[in-house]
Amino acid sequence: MKQETHLEAAKRHRAADMLAQGHFEMAGGKACSVGCFTHELGLDPSDIAGYAKHYNIPEWAARLEEAVFEGLPAGDAINWHVQFAEAAENVTNWTAKYHTTMVVILEVALPHDKSGVVQRVIDLHKRGPSVTDEEWAAAGAAAWAAAWAAAGAAAGAAAGAAAWAAAWAAAGAAAWAAAGAAAWLKIRDAFILETTQ
């Protein structure tokens, strides 16, 4: 018997009304995007890496699939489940797809970045595979420095690691809350419209 493809399974999940945001575990016959697959594969409900390996897609893409599924309005999320599988089937260069997708994601944070680091990383992603390990390391160091500076400003006199983590998490949450569903729709559209990369 022929094994069901990723896209065939996704279409079946949507047709059977198996999709629900908010939980990996199958509850009442419904689960999130990744949860539907992991349930049927006999994996731990949140085993994104196992799901990605089974369908031969990069783990980053499977994580993106789930994040976008949870961020979209419910009706769009259910359709995204199939749109992701269909787009993934047509990707010919996952490295190029990673870089173009990261540019779109980072553009959401760009208006909230006063350090210039986000634009620097966007520029590196636009160059793609030609970026050296040293350039990525330098950008990473700059990102950490900016994060510490932002945390210091946000946390005020609080000096502990817990205060820094809370301030940084709040800043990240604020950026995504400000962007709202429009950001998730933009990421979805970028992923499904540029499938030949």
N, C-alpha and C. Protein backbone atom coordinates (compact mmCIF):
# COMPACT_ATOMS: atom_id res chain seq x y z
N MET A 1 0.84 -1.19 0.00
CA MET A 1 0.00 0.00 0.00
C MET A 1 0.88 1.25 0.00
N LYS A 2 0.55 2.22 -0.83
CA LYS A 2 1.32 3.46 -0.95
C LYS A 2 1.17 4.31 0.31
N GLN A 3 2.32 4.80 0.80
CA GLN A 3 2.28 5.65 1.98
C GLN A 3 1.70 7.01 1.62
N GLU A 4 0.86 7.52 2.48
CA GLU A 4 0.23 8.83 2.29
C GLU A 4 1.31 9.92 2.32
N THR A 5 1.23 10.88 1.42
CA THR A 5 2.20 11.98 1.41
C THR A 5 1.84 13.00 2.48
N HIS A 6 2.78 13.88 2.73
CA HIS A 6 2.59 14.98 3.67
C HIS A 6 1.35 15.79 3.28
N LEU A 7 1.26 16.15 2.01
CA LEU A 7 0.13 16.95 1.54
C LEU A 7 -1.18 16.18 1.64
N GLU A 8 -1.17 14.91 1.28
CA GLU A 8 -2.40 14.11 1.38
C GLU A 8 -2.88 14.03 2.83
N ALA A 9 -1.95 13.86 3.76
CA ALA A 9 -2.33 13.79 5.17
C ALA A 9 -2.89 15.13 5.64
N ALA A 10 -2.25 16.22 5.23
CA ALA A 10 -2.72 17.55 5.62
C ALA A 10 -4.13 17.81 5.11
N LYS A 11 -4.40 17.45 3.87
CA LYS A 11 -5.74 17.63 3.31
C LYS A 11 -6.77 16.79 4.06
N ARG A 12 -6.36 15.57 4.43
CA ARG A 12 -7.28 14.70 5.16
C ARG A 12 -7.59 15.28 6.54
N HIS A 13 -6.56 15.84 7.21
CA HIS A 13 -6.77 16.45 8.53
C HIS A 13 -7.79 17.59 8.44
N ARG A 14 -7.63 18.43 7.41
CA ARG A 14 -8.55 19.56 7.25
C ARG A 14 -9.96 19.06 6.94
N ALA A 15 -10.08 18.10 6.04
CA ALA A 15 -11.39 17.59 5.66
C ALA A 15 -12.11 16.92 6.83
N ALA A 16 -11.33 16.29 7.72
CA ALA A 16 -11.91 15.59 8.87
C ALA A 16 -12.11 16.51 10.07
N ASP A 17 -11.86 17.80 9.91
CA ASP A 17 -12.03 18.78 10.99
C ASP A 17 -11.22 18.38 12.24
N MET A 18 -9.95 18.03 12.01
CA MET A 18 -9.07 17.57 13.10
C MET A 18 -8.22 18.69 13.70
N LEU A 19 -8.27 19.89 13.15
CA LEU A 19 -7.33 20.95 13.53
C LEU A 19 -7.90 21.90 14.56
N ALA A 20 -7.08 22.19 15.58
CA ALA A 20 -7.45 23.15 16.62
C ALA A 20 -6.20 23.81 17.16
N GLN A 21 -6.25 25.09 17.36
CA GLN A 21 -5.12 25.80 17.92
C GLN A 21 -5.04 25.57 19.42
N GLY A 22 -3.82 25.70 19.94
CA GLY A 22 -3.65 25.74 21.39
C GLY A 22 -3.14 24.48 22.06
N HIS A 23 -3.08 23.35 21.36
CA HIS A 23 -2.57 22.15 22.03
C HIS A 23 -2.04 21.13 21.04
N PHE A 24 -0.87 20.56 21.40
CA PHE A 24 -0.27 19.51 20.59
C PHE A 24 -1.02 18.19 20.75
N GLU A 25 -1.50 17.94 21.97
CA GLU A 25 -2.16 16.67 22.26
C GLU A 25 -3.50 16.58 21.55
N MET A 26 -3.84 15.38 21.11
CA MET A 26 -5.14 15.14 20.50
C MET A 26 -6.19 15.20 21.60
N ALA A 27 -7.13 16.11 21.48
CA ALA A 27 -8.20 16.27 22.47
C ALA A 27 -9.51 16.43 21.71
N GLY A 28 -10.45 15.55 21.96
CA GLY A 28 -11.72 15.60 21.26
C GLY A 28 -11.55 15.39 19.76
N GLY A 29 -10.52 14.62 19.39
CA GLY A 29 -10.26 14.35 17.98
C GLY A 29 -9.58 15.49 17.24
N LYS A 30 -9.05 16.48 17.99
CA LYS A 30 -8.41 17.64 17.37
C LYS A 30 -7.07 17.93 18.02
N ALA A 31 -6.15 18.48 17.20
CA ALA A 31 -4.84 18.91 17.69
C ALA A 31 -4.34 20.02 16.78
N CYS A 32 -3.22 20.59 17.16
CA CYS A 32 -2.61 21.65 16.34
C CYS A 32 -2.04 21.06 15.06
N SER A 33 -1.44 21.90 14.26
CA SER A 33 -0.91 21.46 12.97
C SER A 33 0.09 20.33 13.12
N VAL A 34 1.13 20.54 13.90
CA VAL A 34 2.13 19.49 14.11
C VAL A 34 1.54 18.34 14.92
N GLY A 35 0.69 18.66 15.87
CA GLY A 35 0.08 17.64 16.72
C GLY A 35 -0.71 16.60 15.95
N CYS A 36 -1.40 17.01 14.89
CA CYS A 36 -2.13 16.03 14.07
C CYS A 36 -1.17 15.01 13.46
N PHE A 37 -0.04 15.50 12.98
CA PHE A 37 0.94 14.59 12.37
C PHE A 37 1.61 13.70 13.42
N THR A 38 2.06 14.30 14.53
CA THR A 38 2.78 13.50 15.53
C THR A 38 1.86 12.43 16.13
N HIS A 39 0.60 12.76 16.29
CA HIS A 39 -0.36 11.78 16.82
C HIS A 39 -0.41 10.55 15.91
N GLU A 40 -0.55 10.80 14.62
CA GLU A 40 -0.66 9.68 13.67
C GLU A 40 0.65 8.92 13.49
N LEU A 41 1.77 9.59 13.74
CA LEU A 41 3.07 8.94 13.60
C LEU A 41 3.48 8.20 14.87
N GLY A 42 2.67 8.31 15.92
CA GLY A 42 2.99 7.65 17.19
C GLY A 42 4.13 8.32 17.93
N LEU A 43 4.32 9.62 17.70
CA LEU A 43 5.38 10.37 18.36
C LEU A 43 4.84 11.11 19.57
N ASP A 44 5.75 11.59 20.41
CA ASP A 44 5.35 12.51 21.47
C ASP A 44 4.62 13.67 20.79
N PRO A 45 3.53 14.18 21.36
CA PRO A 45 2.75 15.21 20.68
C PRO A 45 3.54 16.43 20.22
N SER A 46 4.57 16.82 20.97
CA SER A 46 5.34 18.01 20.61
C SER A 46 6.67 17.68 19.92
N ASP A 47 6.81 16.49 19.38
CA ASP A 47 8.06 16.07 18.74
C ASP A 47 8.16 16.65 17.33
N ILE A 48 8.48 17.94 17.28
CA ILE A 48 8.58 18.62 16.00
C ILE A 48 9.71 18.05 15.17
N ALA A 49 10.83 17.73 15.81
CA ALA A 49 11.98 17.17 15.08
C ALA A 49 11.63 15.83 14.45
N GLY A 50 10.91 14.99 15.17
CA GLY A 50 10.51 13.68 14.63
C GLY A 50 9.56 13.82 13.46
N TYR A 51 8.62 14.74 13.57
CA TYR A 51 7.69 15.01 12.47
C TYR A 51 8.45 15.50 11.24
N ALA A 52 9.37 16.45 11.44
CA ALA A 52 10.13 17.00 10.32
C ALA A 52 10.96 15.91 9.64
N LYS A 53 11.59 15.08 10.43
CA LYS A 53 12.41 14.01 9.87
C LYS A 53 11.56 13.04 9.05
N HIS A 54 10.39 12.68 9.57
CA HIS A 54 9.52 11.73 8.86
C HIS A 54 9.15 12.24 7.47
N TYR A 55 8.85 13.53 7.37
CA TYR A 55 8.41 14.08 6.09
C TYR A 55 9.54 14.77 5.31
N ASN A 56 10.76 14.64 5.81
CA ASN A 56 11.94 15.16 5.12
C ASN A 56 11.85 16.67 4.87
N ILE A 57 11.48 17.39 5.91
CA ILE A 57 11.50 18.85 5.85
C ILE A 57 12.42 19.34 6.97
N PRO A 58 13.04 20.50 6.82
CA PRO A 58 13.92 20.99 7.89
C PRO A 58 13.13 21.27 9.17
N GLU A 59 13.78 21.06 10.29
CA GLU A 59 13.10 21.30 11.57
C GLU A 59 12.67 22.75 11.70
N TRP A 60 13.49 23.69 11.22
CA TRP A 60 13.11 25.11 11.32
C TRP A 60 11.78 25.35 10.60
N ALA A 61 11.57 24.68 9.47
CA ALA A 61 10.33 24.87 8.71
C ALA A 61 9.14 24.30 9.46
N ALA A 62 9.32 23.16 10.11
CA ALA A 62 8.24 22.57 10.90
C ALA A 62 7.90 23.46 12.09
N ARG A 63 8.91 24.06 12.70
CA ARG A 63 8.66 24.99 13.81
C ARG A 63 7.93 26.24 13.31
N LEU A 64 8.32 26.70 12.14
CA LEU A 64 7.62 27.83 11.53
C LEU A 64 6.16 27.47 11.26
N GLU A 65 5.95 26.27 10.72
CA GLU A 65 4.58 25.81 10.45
C GLU A 65 3.71 25.94 11.70
N GLU A 66 4.23 25.45 12.82
CA GLU A 66 3.45 25.49 14.06
C GLU A 66 3.26 26.91 14.58
N ALA A 67 4.31 27.72 14.52
CA ALA A 67 4.20 29.10 15.01
C ALA A 67 3.17 29.88 14.21
N VAL A 68 3.21 29.76 12.91
CA VAL A 68 2.25 30.48 12.06
C VAL A 68 0.84 29.94 12.30
N PHE A 69 0.71 28.62 12.44
CA PHE A 69 -0.60 28.02 12.72
C PHE A 69 -1.21 28.64 13.99
N GLU A 70 -0.41 28.79 15.01
CA GLU A 70 -0.91 29.34 16.28
C GLU A 70 -1.15 30.85 16.21
N GLY A 71 -0.43 31.55 15.32
CA GLY A 71 -0.56 33.00 15.25
C GLY A 71 -1.68 33.51 14.35
N LEU A 72 -2.10 32.70 13.41
CA LEU A 72 -3.14 33.11 12.46
C LEU A 72 -4.53 33.05 13.07
N PRO A 73 -5.48 33.81 12.52
CA PRO A 73 -6.88 33.61 12.90
C PRO A 73 -7.27 32.16 12.57
N ALA A 74 -8.22 31.61 13.30
CA ALA A 74 -8.55 30.18 13.22
C ALA A 74 -8.80 29.68 11.79
N GLY A 75 -9.62 30.37 11.02
CA GLY A 75 -9.92 29.91 9.66
C GLY A 75 -8.68 29.89 8.78
N ASP A 76 -7.85 30.91 8.91
CA ASP A 76 -6.61 30.96 8.14
C ASP A 76 -5.65 29.86 8.60
N ALA A 77 -5.64 29.57 9.89
CA ALA A 77 -4.74 28.55 10.42
C ALA A 77 -5.06 27.17 9.83
N ILE A 78 -6.33 26.87 9.75
CA ILE A 78 -6.74 25.56 9.22
C ILE A 78 -6.31 25.42 7.75
N ASN A 79 -6.45 26.48 6.99
CA ASN A 79 -6.01 26.44 5.59
C ASN A 79 -4.48 26.42 5.49
N TRP A 80 -3.80 27.11 6.41
CA TRP A 80 -2.33 27.12 6.43
C TRP A 80 -1.78 25.70 6.58
N HIS A 81 -2.44 24.87 7.32
CA HIS A 81 -2.01 23.49 7.52
C HIS A 81 -1.79 22.80 6.16
N VAL A 82 -2.69 23.02 5.24
CA VAL A 82 -2.57 22.44 3.89
C VAL A 82 -1.62 23.27 3.03
N GLN A 83 -1.71 24.59 3.14
CA GLN A 83 -0.85 25.46 2.34
C GLN A 83 0.63 25.20 2.63
N PHE A 84 0.96 24.98 3.91
CA PHE A 84 2.35 24.70 4.26
C PHE A 84 2.81 23.41 3.59
N ALA A 85 2.02 22.36 3.69
CA ALA A 85 2.41 21.07 3.10
C ALA A 85 2.56 21.18 1.60
N GLU A 86 1.67 21.93 0.97
CA GLU A 86 1.73 22.11 -0.48
C GLU A 86 2.97 22.90 -0.87
N ALA A 87 3.26 23.97 -0.14
CA ALA A 87 4.44 24.77 -0.43
C ALA A 87 5.72 23.97 -0.18
N ALA A 88 5.75 23.22 0.92
CA ALA A 88 6.93 22.43 1.26
C ALA A 88 7.25 21.41 0.17
N GLU A 89 6.22 20.89 -0.45
CA GLU A 89 6.39 19.91 -1.52
C GLU A 89 7.13 20.51 -2.73
N ASN A 90 7.03 21.83 -2.88
CA ASN A 90 7.61 22.50 -4.05
C ASN A 90 8.92 23.21 -3.78
N VAL A 91 9.41 23.20 -2.55
CA VAL A 91 10.68 23.87 -2.25
C VAL A 91 11.82 23.05 -2.84
N THR A 92 12.65 23.72 -3.62
CA THR A 92 13.79 23.04 -4.23
C THR A 92 15.10 23.37 -3.54
N ASN A 93 15.12 24.46 -2.76
CA ASN A 93 16.33 24.88 -2.06
C ASN A 93 15.95 25.39 -0.68
N TRP A 94 16.04 24.52 0.32
CA TRP A 94 15.62 24.88 1.67
C TRP A 94 16.53 25.94 2.29
N THR A 95 17.79 25.99 1.89
CA THR A 95 18.69 27.01 2.44
C THR A 95 18.25 28.40 1.99
N ALA A 96 17.96 28.54 0.71
CA ALA A 96 17.47 29.83 0.20
C ALA A 96 16.13 30.19 0.82
N LYS A 97 15.26 29.19 0.98
CA LYS A 97 13.95 29.42 1.59
C LYS A 97 14.11 29.91 3.03
N TYR A 98 15.07 29.33 3.75
CA TYR A 98 15.34 29.76 5.14
C TYR A 98 15.70 31.24 5.17
N HIS A 99 16.63 31.65 4.32
CA HIS A 99 17.08 33.04 4.34
C HIS A 99 15.95 34.00 3.98
N THR A 100 15.17 33.71 2.95
CA THR A 100 14.08 34.61 2.57
C THR A 100 12.99 34.66 3.65
N THR A 101 12.74 33.55 4.29
CA THR A 101 11.74 33.51 5.36
C THR A 101 12.21 34.30 6.57
N MET A 102 13.50 34.17 6.91
CA MET A 102 14.03 34.91 8.05
C MET A 102 13.98 36.42 7.82
N VAL A 103 14.19 36.86 6.60
CA VAL A 103 14.08 38.29 6.30
C VAL A 103 12.68 38.79 6.63
N VAL A 104 11.67 38.06 6.21
CA VAL A 104 10.29 38.47 6.47
C VAL A 104 10.00 38.48 7.97
N ILE A 105 10.46 37.47 8.69
CA ILE A 105 10.25 37.41 10.14
C ILE A 105 10.95 38.57 10.83
N LEU A 106 12.19 38.83 10.47
CA LEU A 106 12.95 39.91 11.11
C LEU A 106 12.38 41.29 10.80
N GLU A 107 11.75 41.43 9.65
CA GLU A 107 11.13 42.72 9.31
C GLU A 107 10.01 43.08 10.29
N VAL A 108 9.42 42.09 10.93
CA VAL A 108 8.40 42.36 11.96
C VAL A 108 9.04 43.07 13.15
N ALA A 109 10.25 42.64 13.52
CA ALA A 109 10.93 43.23 14.67
C ALA A 109 11.64 44.54 14.33
N LEU A 110 11.89 44.79 13.06
CA LEU A 110 12.69 45.94 12.65
C LEU A 110 12.21 47.28 13.21
N PRO A 111 10.91 47.59 13.18
CA PRO A 111 10.48 48.89 13.71
C PRO A 111 10.72 49.05 15.22
N HIS A 112 10.93 47.95 15.92
CA HIS A 112 11.12 48.00 17.37
C HIS A 112 12.59 47.96 17.76
N ASP A 113 13.48 47.89 16.80
CA ASP A 113 14.91 47.76 17.07
C ASP A 113 15.59 49.11 16.93
N LYS A 114 16.18 49.59 18.02
CA LYS A 114 16.90 50.86 18.02
C LYS A 114 18.40 50.66 17.85
N SER A 115 18.84 49.41 17.88
CA SER A 115 20.28 49.12 17.87
C SER A 115 20.87 48.98 16.47
N GLY A 116 20.04 48.71 15.48
CA GLY A 116 20.54 48.47 14.14
C GLY A 116 20.92 47.01 13.89
N VAL A 117 20.85 46.18 14.92
CA VAL A 117 21.25 44.78 14.79
C VAL A 117 20.30 44.01 13.88
N VAL A 118 19.00 44.26 13.99
CA VAL A 118 18.04 43.53 13.18
C VAL A 118 18.30 43.79 11.70
N GLN A 119 18.54 45.04 11.33
CA GLN A 119 18.83 45.35 9.93
C GLN A 119 20.12 44.66 9.48
N ARG A 120 21.09 44.61 10.38
CA ARG A 120 22.37 43.95 10.06
C ARG A 120 22.14 42.46 9.74
N VAL A 121 21.31 41.81 10.54
CA VAL A 121 21.03 40.39 10.32
C VAL A 121 20.18 40.20 9.06
N ILE A 122 19.25 41.10 8.82
CA ILE A 122 18.47 41.03 7.58
C ILE A 122 19.41 41.09 6.38
N ASP A 123 20.35 42.02 6.43
CA ASP A 123 21.30 42.17 5.32
C ASP A 123 22.11 40.89 5.11
N LEU A 124 22.49 40.22 6.20
CA LEU A 124 23.23 38.96 6.08
C LEU A 124 22.35 37.88 5.44
N HIS A 125 21.10 37.80 5.88
CA HIS A 125 20.19 36.80 5.28
C HIS A 125 19.96 37.08 3.80
N LYS A 126 19.93 38.33 3.42
CA LYS A 126 19.75 38.66 2.01
C LYS A 126 20.95 38.20 1.18
N ARG A 127 22.12 38.17 1.79
CA ARG A 127 23.31 37.66 1.10
C ARG A 127 23.33 36.15 1.08
N GLY A 128 22.66 35.54 2.06
CA GLY A 128 22.51 34.08 2.09
C GLY A 128 23.79 33.31 2.29
N PRO A 129 23.99 32.26 1.50
CA PRO A 129 25.11 31.35 1.71
C PRO A 129 26.50 31.97 1.59
N SER A 130 26.61 33.17 1.02
CA SER A 130 27.93 33.78 0.88
C SER A 130 28.45 34.37 2.19
N VAL A 131 27.61 34.44 3.21
CA VAL A 131 28.02 35.00 4.50
C VAL A 131 28.97 34.02 5.19
N THR A 132 30.06 34.55 5.72
CA THR A 132 31.04 33.69 6.39
C THR A 132 30.62 33.42 7.83
N ASP A 133 31.20 32.37 8.41
CA ASP A 133 30.94 32.05 9.82
C ASP A 133 31.34 33.22 10.71
N GLU A 134 32.41 33.91 10.36
CA GLU A 134 32.87 35.05 11.15
C GLU A 134 31.85 36.18 11.15
N GLU A 135 31.22 36.41 9.99
CA GLU A 135 30.20 37.46 9.91
C GLU A 135 28.97 37.10 10.75
N TRP A 136 28.57 35.81 10.70
CA TRP A 136 27.44 35.38 11.53
C TRP A 136 27.79 35.52 13.00
N ALA A 137 29.03 35.15 13.38
CA ALA A 137 29.45 35.25 14.79
C ALA A 137 29.45 36.71 15.25
N ALA A 138 29.94 37.61 14.40
CA ALA A 138 29.96 39.03 14.75
C ALA A 138 28.54 39.57 14.92
N ALA A 139 27.64 39.17 14.04
CA ALA A 139 26.25 39.60 14.15
C ALA A 139 25.62 39.04 15.43
N GLY A 140 25.95 37.79 15.75
CA GLY A 140 25.44 37.20 16.98
C GLY A 140 25.93 37.94 18.21
N ALA A 141 27.21 38.30 18.21
CA ALA A 141 27.77 39.04 19.35
C ALA A 141 27.10 40.41 19.48
N ALA A 142 26.86 41.06 18.34
CA ALA A 142 26.18 42.36 18.36
C ALA A 142 24.75 42.22 18.87
N ALA A 143 24.08 41.13 18.48
CA ALA A 143 22.71 40.89 18.95
C ALA A 143 22.68 40.70 20.46
N TRP A 144 23.62 39.92 20.98
CA TRP A 144 23.67 39.73 22.43
C TRP A 144 23.96 41.04 23.15
N ALA A 145 24.88 41.84 22.60
CA ALA A 145 25.19 43.13 23.23
C ALA A 145 23.96 44.03 23.24
N ALA A 146 23.22 44.05 22.13
CA ALA A 146 22.01 44.86 22.06
C ALA A 146 20.95 44.34 23.03
N ALA A 147 20.87 43.02 23.16
CA ALA A 147 19.90 42.44 24.09
C ALA A 147 20.23 42.84 25.52
N TRP A 148 21.50 42.79 25.88
CA TRP A 148 21.90 43.20 27.24
C TRP A 148 21.62 44.67 27.46
N ALA A 149 21.90 45.51 26.48
CA ALA A 149 21.65 46.94 26.61
C ALA A 149 20.16 47.21 26.76
N ALA A 150 19.35 46.54 25.93
CA ALA A 150 17.90 46.72 26.01
C ALA A 150 17.37 46.24 27.34
N ALA A 151 17.92 45.14 27.83
CA ALA A 151 17.46 44.61 29.11
C ALA A 151 17.83 45.55 30.24
N GLY A 152 19.00 46.14 30.16
CA GLY A 152 19.41 47.09 31.19
C GLY A 152 18.47 48.28 31.23
N ALA A 153 18.11 48.81 30.07
CA ALA A 153 17.20 49.96 30.02
C ALA A 153 15.81 49.57 30.50
N ALA A 154 15.36 48.39 30.11
CA ALA A 154 14.00 47.98 30.46
C ALA A 154 13.89 47.56 31.92
N ALA A 155 14.94 46.95 32.44
CA ALA A 155 14.87 46.43 33.80
C ALA A 155 15.26 47.45 34.85
N GLY A 156 15.83 48.57 34.41
CA GLY A 156 16.21 49.60 35.37
C GLY A 156 17.27 49.10 36.31
N ALA A 157 17.02 49.24 37.59
CA ALA A 157 18.03 48.88 38.58
C ALA A 157 18.10 47.38 38.83
N ALA A 158 17.12 46.63 38.36
CA ALA A 158 17.13 45.19 38.60
C ALA A 158 18.28 44.55 37.84
N ALA A 159 19.17 43.89 38.54
CA ALA A 159 20.39 43.41 37.88
C ALA A 159 20.42 41.91 37.66
N GLY A 160 19.50 41.16 38.20
CA GLY A 160 19.57 39.71 38.11
C GLY A 160 19.22 39.17 36.74
N ALA A 161 19.64 37.94 36.49
CA ALA A 161 19.34 37.29 35.21
C ALA A 161 17.83 37.12 35.01
N ALA A 162 17.12 36.86 36.10
CA ALA A 162 15.67 36.69 35.99
C ALA A 162 15.01 37.98 35.53
N ALA A 163 15.49 39.11 36.03
CA ALA A 163 14.93 40.40 35.62
C ALA A 163 15.23 40.66 34.15
N TRP A 164 16.45 40.34 33.73
CA TRP A 164 16.81 40.53 32.33
C TRP A 164 15.92 39.67 31.44
N ALA A 165 15.76 38.40 31.79
CA ALA A 165 14.96 37.49 30.98
C ALA A 165 13.51 37.98 30.88
N ALA A 166 12.97 38.45 31.99
CA ALA A 166 11.59 38.93 31.99
C ALA A 166 11.45 40.17 31.11
N ALA A 167 12.41 41.08 31.20
CA ALA A 167 12.34 42.30 30.41
C ALA A 167 12.45 41.99 28.92
N TRP A 168 13.38 41.10 28.59
CA TRP A 168 13.57 40.75 27.18
C TRP A 168 12.35 40.03 26.62
N ALA A 169 11.78 39.13 27.40
CA ALA A 169 10.58 38.42 26.96
C ALA A 169 9.43 39.40 26.75
N ALA A 170 9.30 40.36 27.65
CA ALA A 170 8.22 41.34 27.53
C ALA A 170 8.41 42.20 26.29
N ALA A 171 9.65 42.57 26.00
CA ALA A 171 9.91 43.39 24.80
C ALA A 171 9.57 42.60 23.54
N GLY A 172 9.95 41.32 23.50
CA GLY A 172 9.64 40.49 22.34
C GLY A 172 8.15 40.31 22.18
N ALA A 173 7.47 40.05 23.29
CA ALA A 173 6.02 39.86 23.25
C ALA A 173 5.34 41.14 22.77
N ALA A 174 5.84 42.30 23.20
CA ALA A 174 5.24 43.56 22.81
C ALA A 174 5.36 43.78 21.30
N ALA A 175 6.53 43.43 20.74
CA ALA A 175 6.72 43.60 19.30
C ALA A 175 5.73 42.74 18.52
N TRP A 176 5.56 41.48 18.93
CA TRP A 176 4.64 40.59 18.21
C TRP A 176 3.19 40.98 18.44
N ALA A 177 2.87 41.45 19.66
CA ALA A 177 1.50 41.87 19.92
C ALA A 177 1.15 43.09 19.07
N ALA A 178 2.11 44.01 18.91
CA ALA A 178 1.88 45.19 18.10
C ALA A 178 1.67 44.81 16.63
N ALA A 179 2.40 43.81 16.18
CA ALA A 179 2.28 43.39 14.78
C ALA A 179 0.99 42.62 14.54
N GLY A 180 0.60 41.80 15.51
CA GLY A 180 -0.65 41.06 15.43
C GLY A 180 -0.74 40.08 14.28
N ALA A 181 -1.97 39.75 13.91
CA ALA A 181 -2.23 38.76 12.88
C ALA A 181 -1.64 39.17 11.53
N ALA A 182 -1.50 40.47 11.31
CA ALA A 182 -0.95 40.93 10.02
C ALA A 182 0.45 40.39 9.80
N ALA A 183 1.24 40.30 10.87
CA ALA A 183 2.60 39.77 10.74
C ALA A 183 2.57 38.30 10.36
N TRP A 184 1.70 37.53 11.01
CA TRP A 184 1.60 36.10 10.69
C TRP A 184 1.11 35.89 9.27
N LEU A 185 0.19 36.71 8.82
CA LEU A 185 -0.30 36.61 7.45
C LEU A 185 0.82 36.93 6.45
N LYS A 186 1.64 37.91 6.79
CA LYS A 186 2.77 38.27 5.92
C LYS A 186 3.77 37.12 5.83
N ILE A 187 4.07 36.49 6.96
CA ILE A 187 5.00 35.36 6.97
C ILE A 187 4.41 34.19 6.19
N ARG A 188 3.14 33.91 6.41
CA ARG A 188 2.46 32.85 5.66
C ARG A 188 2.56 33.08 4.17
N ASP A 189 2.21 34.30 3.76
CA ASP A 189 2.21 34.61 2.33
C ASP A 189 3.61 34.50 1.73
N ALA A 190 4.61 34.97 2.45
CA ALA A 190 5.98 34.88 1.93
C ALA A 190 6.39 33.43 1.75
N PHE A 191 6.00 32.58 2.68
CA PHE A 191 6.39 31.17 2.60
C PHE A 191 5.68 30.46 1.45
N ILE A 192 4.38 30.68 1.30
CA ILE A 192 3.64 29.93 0.29
C ILE A 192 3.78 30.51 -1.12
N LEU A 193 4.12 31.80 -1.22
CA LEU A 193 4.21 32.41 -2.55
C LEU A 193 5.58 32.22 -3.19
N GLU A 194 6.59 31.94 -2.39
CA GLU A 194 7.94 31.77 -2.92
C GLU A 194 8.36 30.32 -2.78
N THR A 195 7.65 29.44 -3.44
CA THR A 195 7.89 28.01 -3.24
C THR A 195 8.99 27.43 -4.11
N THR A 196 9.50 28.19 -5.05
CA THR A 196 10.54 27.63 -5.91
C THR A 196 11.93 27.83 -5.36
N GLN A 197 12.03 28.38 -4.17
CA GLN A 197 13.37 28.57 -3.58
C GLN A 197 13.79 27.34 -2.83
